[in-house]
Amino acid sequence: MKYRVVFRERSNQEGEQAGNPATILATELDDETVLDAVFVGRNAPDAQHSSEVLEEDDDFLSLTTEVWEYDVADGKDEDFKNALRNSAVVLEFEPLEDSGEIGLT
């Protein structure tokens, strides 16, 4: 089964990724659960200005999202979904209907 996962992510003052939420999820899973993971995209933080530096007053706007698609091994769906729910960095997830959708949407 394939899943699209939206992670919560923090950005540093330059608007660059301050952590790797996919790595946090990986620590919750055994090596046989995920067959493939594809990075889909990342949104720029709302606080990003034309100066490309986040201002002190904009720190609360440094949250953004990152989207990944995962191919999960047969019989490991519940383990995967439990890890998503317990990760503290996953905002939402959904199963993908067609196995050909991974990385294409």
N, C-alpha and C. Protein backbone atom coordinates (compact mmCIF):
# COMPACT_ATOMS: atom_id res chain seq x y z
N MET A 1 0.85 -1.18 0.00
CA MET A 1 0.00 0.00 0.00
C MET A 1 0.89 1.24 0.00
N LYS A 2 0.44 2.25 -0.67
CA LYS A 2 1.19 3.51 -0.73
C LYS A 2 0.43 4.60 0.03
N TYR A 3 1.21 5.48 0.68
CA TYR A 3 0.63 6.56 1.48
C TYR A 3 1.30 7.88 1.15
N ARG A 4 0.51 8.94 1.17
CA ARG A 4 1.05 10.31 1.10
C ARG A 4 1.04 10.84 2.53
N VAL A 5 2.20 11.37 2.97
CA VAL A 5 2.37 11.82 4.35
C VAL A 5 2.79 13.29 4.35
N VAL A 6 2.10 14.11 5.14
CA VAL A 6 2.44 15.53 5.28
C VAL A 6 3.06 15.72 6.67
N PHE A 7 4.32 16.18 6.67
CA PHE A 7 5.05 16.41 7.91
C PHE A 7 5.04 17.88 8.29
N ARG A 8 5.06 18.15 9.57
CA ARG A 8 5.29 19.50 10.10
C ARG A 8 6.81 19.68 10.14
N GLU A 9 7.26 20.84 9.72
CA GLU A 9 8.70 21.10 9.66
C GLU A 9 8.98 22.51 10.13
N ARG A 10 10.09 22.69 10.81
CA ARG A 10 10.54 24.03 11.21
C ARG A 10 11.64 24.49 10.27
N SER A 11 11.67 25.80 10.04
CA SER A 11 12.71 26.40 9.21
C SER A 11 13.59 27.28 10.08
N ASN A 12 14.86 27.41 9.68
CA ASN A 12 15.75 28.30 10.42
C ASN A 12 15.56 29.73 9.92
N GLN A 13 16.40 30.65 10.37
CA GLN A 13 16.23 32.07 10.05
C GLN A 13 16.36 32.35 8.55
N GLU A 14 17.10 31.50 7.84
CA GLU A 14 17.25 31.68 6.39
C GLU A 14 16.13 31.00 5.61
N GLY A 15 15.20 30.38 6.32
CA GLY A 15 14.10 29.69 5.65
C GLY A 15 14.45 28.29 5.20
N GLU A 16 15.61 27.79 5.62
CA GLU A 16 16.04 26.44 5.27
C GLU A 16 15.56 25.45 6.33
N GLN A 17 15.48 24.21 5.94
CA GLN A 17 15.01 23.15 6.83
C GLN A 17 15.87 23.08 8.09
N ALA A 18 15.21 23.10 9.27
CA ALA A 18 15.93 23.06 10.55
C ALA A 18 15.95 21.65 11.14
N GLY A 19 15.33 20.71 10.50
CA GLY A 19 15.30 19.33 10.95
C GLY A 19 14.78 18.46 9.84
N ASN A 20 14.87 17.16 10.00
CA ASN A 20 14.40 16.25 8.97
C ASN A 20 13.28 15.38 9.55
N PRO A 21 12.02 15.74 9.32
CA PRO A 21 10.91 14.98 9.91
C PRO A 21 10.84 13.54 9.42
N ALA A 22 11.25 13.27 8.18
CA ALA A 22 11.22 11.90 7.66
C ALA A 22 12.18 11.00 8.45
N THR A 23 13.29 11.56 8.90
CA THR A 23 14.24 10.80 9.71
C THR A 23 13.64 10.46 11.06
N ILE A 24 12.88 11.39 11.63
CA ILE A 24 12.21 11.14 12.91
C ILE A 24 11.25 9.97 12.77
N LEU A 25 10.50 9.92 11.67
CA LEU A 25 9.58 8.81 11.43
C LEU A 25 10.35 7.50 11.27
N ALA A 26 11.46 7.52 10.57
CA ALA A 26 12.24 6.31 10.31
C ALA A 26 12.68 5.63 11.60
N THR A 27 12.92 6.41 12.65
CA THR A 27 13.35 5.81 13.92
C THR A 27 12.23 5.03 14.58
N GLU A 28 10.99 5.26 14.17
CA GLU A 28 9.83 4.57 14.74
C GLU A 28 9.51 3.26 14.01
N LEU A 29 10.20 2.98 12.90
CA LEU A 29 9.86 1.84 12.05
C LEU A 29 11.00 0.84 11.96
N ASP A 30 10.64 -0.45 11.74
CA ASP A 30 11.69 -1.44 11.50
C ASP A 30 12.09 -1.38 10.03
N ASP A 31 13.17 -2.06 9.69
CA ASP A 31 13.73 -1.97 8.33
C ASP A 31 12.85 -2.58 7.25
N GLU A 32 11.90 -3.45 7.62
CA GLU A 32 11.06 -4.10 6.61
C GLU A 32 9.76 -3.38 6.32
N THR A 33 9.44 -2.32 7.03
CA THR A 33 8.13 -1.67 6.87
C THR A 33 8.05 -0.84 5.60
N VAL A 34 9.03 0.02 5.35
CA VAL A 34 8.99 0.92 4.19
C VAL A 34 9.84 0.33 3.06
N LEU A 35 9.20 0.12 1.91
CA LEU A 35 9.91 -0.39 0.74
C LEU A 35 10.55 0.74 -0.05
N ASP A 36 9.87 1.90 -0.09
CA ASP A 36 10.38 3.04 -0.85
C ASP A 36 9.77 4.32 -0.27
N ALA A 37 10.55 5.39 -0.30
CA ALA A 37 10.07 6.70 0.14
C ALA A 37 10.51 7.73 -0.89
N VAL A 38 9.56 8.56 -1.34
CA VAL A 38 9.83 9.57 -2.37
C VAL A 38 9.47 10.94 -1.82
N PHE A 39 10.43 11.86 -1.86
CA PHE A 39 10.18 13.25 -1.46
C PHE A 39 9.37 13.91 -2.56
N VAL A 40 8.23 14.52 -2.21
CA VAL A 40 7.35 15.15 -3.19
C VAL A 40 7.58 16.65 -3.24
N GLY A 41 7.63 17.31 -2.08
CA GLY A 41 7.83 18.75 -2.09
C GLY A 41 7.80 19.36 -0.70
N ARG A 42 8.19 20.62 -0.68
CA ARG A 42 8.26 21.37 0.58
C ARG A 42 7.72 22.76 0.31
N ASN A 43 6.88 23.27 1.20
CA ASN A 43 6.36 24.63 1.09
C ASN A 43 7.32 25.60 1.75
N ALA A 44 7.45 26.79 1.19
CA ALA A 44 8.27 27.83 1.81
C ALA A 44 7.54 28.34 3.05
N PRO A 45 8.28 28.70 4.10
CA PRO A 45 7.61 29.23 5.29
C PRO A 45 6.88 30.53 5.00
N ASP A 46 5.74 30.75 5.66
CA ASP A 46 4.94 31.96 5.46
C ASP A 46 5.70 33.22 5.83
N ALA A 47 6.68 33.10 6.69
CA ALA A 47 7.42 34.27 7.16
C ALA A 47 8.53 34.70 6.20
N GLN A 48 8.76 33.95 5.14
CA GLN A 48 9.84 34.28 4.19
C GLN A 48 9.51 35.60 3.50
N HIS A 49 10.43 36.54 3.58
CA HIS A 49 10.25 37.86 2.95
C HIS A 49 11.18 37.98 1.75
N SER A 50 11.09 39.07 1.06
CA SER A 50 11.96 39.27 -0.09
C SER A 50 13.43 39.34 0.31
N SER A 51 13.72 39.63 1.57
CA SER A 51 15.10 39.67 2.03
C SER A 51 15.67 38.28 2.23
N GLU A 52 14.82 37.24 2.13
CA GLU A 52 15.18 35.84 2.29
C GLU A 52 15.67 35.49 3.69
N VAL A 53 15.42 36.36 4.66
CA VAL A 53 15.76 36.09 6.05
C VAL A 53 14.51 36.30 6.89
N LEU A 54 14.23 35.35 7.78
CA LEU A 54 13.07 35.49 8.66
C LEU A 54 13.39 36.50 9.75
N GLU A 55 12.46 37.40 10.00
CA GLU A 55 12.67 38.41 11.03
C GLU A 55 12.28 37.85 12.39
N GLU A 56 12.80 38.47 13.45
CA GLU A 56 12.57 37.98 14.81
C GLU A 56 11.09 37.85 15.13
N ASP A 57 10.28 38.80 14.71
CA ASP A 57 8.84 38.78 15.00
C ASP A 57 8.10 37.69 14.22
N ASP A 58 8.75 37.08 13.26
CA ASP A 58 8.11 36.09 12.41
C ASP A 58 8.43 34.66 12.81
N ASP A 59 9.06 34.45 13.95
CA ASP A 59 9.46 33.10 14.35
C ASP A 59 8.30 32.12 14.37
N PHE A 60 7.12 32.56 14.79
CA PHE A 60 5.97 31.65 14.84
C PHE A 60 5.54 31.22 13.44
N LEU A 61 5.96 31.93 12.41
CA LEU A 61 5.61 31.59 11.04
C LEU A 61 6.65 30.69 10.38
N SER A 62 7.62 30.21 11.16
CA SER A 62 8.68 29.40 10.57
C SER A 62 8.27 27.95 10.36
N LEU A 63 7.04 27.61 10.71
CA LEU A 63 6.55 26.26 10.46
C LEU A 63 6.10 26.14 9.01
N THR A 64 6.40 25.01 8.42
CA THR A 64 6.01 24.75 7.05
C THR A 64 5.68 23.27 6.93
N THR A 65 5.41 22.79 5.74
CA THR A 65 5.11 21.37 5.56
C THR A 65 6.02 20.76 4.49
N GLU A 66 6.18 19.46 4.63
CA GLU A 66 6.97 18.68 3.68
C GLU A 66 6.14 17.45 3.36
N VAL A 67 6.07 17.07 2.08
CA VAL A 67 5.23 15.95 1.65
C VAL A 67 6.11 14.83 1.11
N TRP A 68 5.84 13.61 1.59
CA TRP A 68 6.53 12.41 1.13
C TRP A 68 5.48 11.38 0.74
N GLU A 69 5.87 10.45 -0.13
CA GLU A 69 5.03 9.31 -0.46
C GLU A 69 5.80 8.05 -0.11
N TYR A 70 5.13 7.13 0.58
CA TYR A 70 5.75 5.91 1.08
C TYR A 70 5.09 4.69 0.48
N ASP A 71 5.90 3.71 0.11
CA ASP A 71 5.43 2.39 -0.29
C ASP A 71 5.67 1.46 0.90
N VAL A 72 4.60 0.93 1.46
CA VAL A 72 4.67 0.13 2.69
C VAL A 72 4.49 -1.35 2.35
N ALA A 73 5.31 -2.19 2.97
CA ALA A 73 5.27 -3.64 2.73
C ALA A 73 3.92 -4.23 3.14
N ASP A 74 3.53 -5.28 2.44
CA ASP A 74 2.28 -5.99 2.76
C ASP A 74 2.32 -6.45 4.22
N GLY A 75 1.21 -6.25 4.91
CA GLY A 75 1.10 -6.67 6.29
C GLY A 75 1.70 -5.71 7.30
N LYS A 76 2.28 -4.60 6.83
CA LYS A 76 2.93 -3.63 7.72
C LYS A 76 2.14 -2.32 7.82
N ASP A 77 0.94 -2.28 7.23
CA ASP A 77 0.15 -1.05 7.22
C ASP A 77 -0.15 -0.53 8.62
N GLU A 78 -0.57 -1.40 9.51
CA GLU A 78 -0.92 -0.95 10.87
C GLU A 78 0.30 -0.42 11.61
N ASP A 79 1.44 -1.11 11.46
CA ASP A 79 2.68 -0.63 12.09
C ASP A 79 3.04 0.76 11.56
N PHE A 80 2.89 0.95 10.25
CA PHE A 80 3.21 2.23 9.63
C PHE A 80 2.27 3.33 10.13
N LYS A 81 0.97 3.05 10.12
CA LYS A 81 0.00 4.05 10.57
C LYS A 81 0.17 4.38 12.06
N ASN A 82 0.49 3.41 12.88
CA ASN A 82 0.74 3.68 14.30
C ASN A 82 1.97 4.56 14.48
N ALA A 83 3.01 4.31 13.70
CA ALA A 83 4.21 5.15 13.77
C ALA A 83 3.90 6.58 13.34
N LEU A 84 3.06 6.75 12.32
CA LEU A 84 2.66 8.08 11.87
C LEU A 84 1.91 8.81 12.98
N ARG A 85 0.98 8.13 13.61
CA ARG A 85 0.18 8.75 14.68
C ARG A 85 1.03 9.12 15.90
N ASN A 86 2.07 8.35 16.17
CA ASN A 86 2.90 8.57 17.36
C ASN A 86 4.13 9.43 17.11
N SER A 87 4.35 9.87 15.90
CA SER A 87 5.61 10.54 15.54
C SER A 87 5.71 11.98 16.04
N ALA A 88 4.62 12.67 16.25
CA ALA A 88 4.58 14.09 16.65
C ALA A 88 5.03 15.05 15.55
N VAL A 89 5.36 14.55 14.37
CA VAL A 89 5.72 15.43 13.26
C VAL A 89 4.81 15.25 12.05
N VAL A 90 3.90 14.28 12.10
CA VAL A 90 2.98 14.03 10.98
C VAL A 90 1.70 14.81 11.21
N LEU A 91 1.36 15.66 10.24
CA LEU A 91 0.11 16.42 10.31
C LEU A 91 -1.07 15.63 9.77
N GLU A 92 -0.83 14.93 8.65
CA GLU A 92 -1.89 14.12 8.05
C GLU A 92 -1.27 13.09 7.14
N PHE A 93 -2.05 12.05 6.85
CA PHE A 93 -1.63 11.03 5.90
C PHE A 93 -2.86 10.45 5.24
N GLU A 94 -2.66 9.91 4.03
CA GLU A 94 -3.76 9.29 3.30
C GLU A 94 -3.22 8.18 2.42
N PRO A 95 -3.99 7.11 2.26
CA PRO A 95 -3.57 6.06 1.34
C PRO A 95 -3.75 6.54 -0.10
N LEU A 96 -2.88 6.09 -0.97
CA LEU A 96 -3.00 6.40 -2.40
C LEU A 96 -3.69 5.23 -3.07
N GLU A 97 -4.64 5.52 -3.92
CA GLU A 97 -5.47 4.49 -4.54
C GLU A 97 -4.70 3.64 -5.54
N ASP A 98 -3.97 4.28 -6.43
CA ASP A 98 -3.30 3.60 -7.54
C ASP A 98 -1.82 3.47 -7.24
N SER A 99 -1.28 2.27 -7.38
CA SER A 99 0.14 2.06 -7.09
C SER A 99 1.03 2.86 -8.03
N GLY A 100 0.51 3.30 -9.16
CA GLY A 100 1.29 4.10 -10.09
C GLY A 100 1.37 5.57 -9.72
N GLU A 101 0.69 5.99 -8.64
CA GLU A 101 0.64 7.40 -8.27
C GLU A 101 1.89 7.89 -7.55
N ILE A 102 2.70 7.02 -6.99
CA ILE A 102 3.80 7.46 -6.14
C ILE A 102 4.76 8.36 -6.92
N GLY A 103 5.00 9.52 -6.36
CA GLY A 103 5.92 10.48 -6.95
C GLY A 103 5.39 11.25 -8.15
N LEU A 104 4.18 10.96 -8.58
CA LEU A 104 3.67 11.58 -9.80
C LEU A 104 2.61 12.64 -9.55
N THR A 105 2.13 12.77 -8.30
CA THR A 105 1.05 13.72 -8.07
C THR A 105 1.49 14.86 -7.21
